[in-house]
Amino acid sequence: MAASKKSATPPEAEDARAAKSPRKTTEAYGSTETLERLRSSVGSLSSMMRQELESTLPWYRRLSADERSALGLVAQNGITAFVSWYEHRSSPSWVLSDVFGAAPTELTRAISLQRALQLIRTVVQVVEDRVPELAAVEEQTALREAVLRYSREVAFAAADVYARAAENRGAWDTRLEALAVDGILRGENTDALQSRFSALGWTSHSHFTIMVGPAPEEANALFLGTLRRAAVRFAEDVMVGIQGDKLILILGNVKDPESAYLRLSDLFAPGPVVYGPLAATLADATASAKAAFAGISVAKGWPGAPRPVSADDLLPERVIGGDDSARRALIVNIYRPLIAASNGLVETLSSYLQGGHSLEAAARELFVHSNTVRYRLRRVCDVTGWDPLIPREAFVLQTAMIVGRLATPSKSSQGKSAASKLSVAKTVPLRG
């Protein structure tokens, strides 16, 4: 009993003995001596780190001076932050602010996430190689473990920086894309539109196609991403916009239009899908978009229309709906070429349409053979691109004939106009 009492050491004596010990411990991993060595080695570690980056990472040498300076500051902050973290254990939330500071924007612009992780690996390797000089033998294992844990937290922080930057870029790209689509629909200045398209990475300079159709109810970011991935298979560039209940798809340099329009129309909600005429330039894209919107507003006038349908195939419905551009297209592309072709094409087409699409009836009215009527109708198809022997295309031609006649002043009105001009000329006194 006495021996046990003699060997016992009071707690106060243990605290005093620990206070007199030459190696004081901190609340972190190592001793005060190790911490002092780390503090005094920050400058040399930073220099070694820069040399290591120059020698081991070829892409680092190709960066500009400002970019290397920003990355070097990030790496130096990482070493300084490690010393602070080694001294005081805390939540990893400090990593994002202490290591990267105000550099995330420059960091994500200068290098990719893969290169950022290579940078972190190099910094960690420099510190780990100096462990024998920074800590005593019994503390080296703990210091290496601290370096590994620290590198893990910094890597996660870097991933968080890039994820946030990607989210910000995605949100900005979405807004910019919406502005670009709206600019096309409203016919904004071409230079401003070109700037927005370039900012979105658009590379096509010709052959623009605009598709318009009903937007699905679940038109969220996931759906828009799926639509873009599907459209990229058929076109070099893709832009998506939603206005109200309409889904707008702008395509650049479509590889196989017939297949592309058919496949992409399946991604629209049930209802008519209309694509505008091919636009040669960005300036013409506005007219194509207006034609597509005009077509979708009157598509229900043709119940048997295919899906998707071209805005040009809806010219009669668009004229009835009050679309002036459709009226001009019928006059310029159909009526005037027929008038210029002469050879009785207008008369033959009129007789054929008014005679119930009968070759024999038109031949009797014109006092020609039915083969002559058939030949002239083929010529009509060659001149206009619309075949009068197909009922739907014959309806387009008939609409063009009506619109063209209404746009052409009659002979009586021309005669009255000439007579009025002559009478005015007679009443004007001559000046001697």
Foldseek 3Di string as FASTA:
>chain_A
DVVVVVPDDDPVVVVVVQVPDPWDPAPAQGTPQLLVLLVVCLVVLLVVLLVLCVVPPVLLVVFDPVLVVLLSQLLSLLSVVLSVCRRPPDDLPCLLCRRCNPPLVSVVVRDPLVVVLVSLVSSLVSVLVCLPVRDPPVRSVVVNVSSVVSSVSNNVSSVVSNVVVVVVVVVVLLVLLQVLVVCLQVLHDPVVSVVSCVVNVNDAFFFKKKKKDFADPPPDPVLVVVLQVLLVVFAVDWGWDDDDRMIMIMGGHGPDVVVNQVVSLVSHDPAEMEMFDTGGGSSCSNVRVVLRVLCRVQVVVPVPADHHHYSLLCLLSSVVVPNVVSLVCLQVQAVVLQVVVPPCLVVLLVQCVVVVNDLVRSCVVVVHDSVVSVVSQVVSCVRRVFRCNDPSSVVSNVSSVVSNVVVDDDPVVVVVVVVVVVVVVVPDDDDD
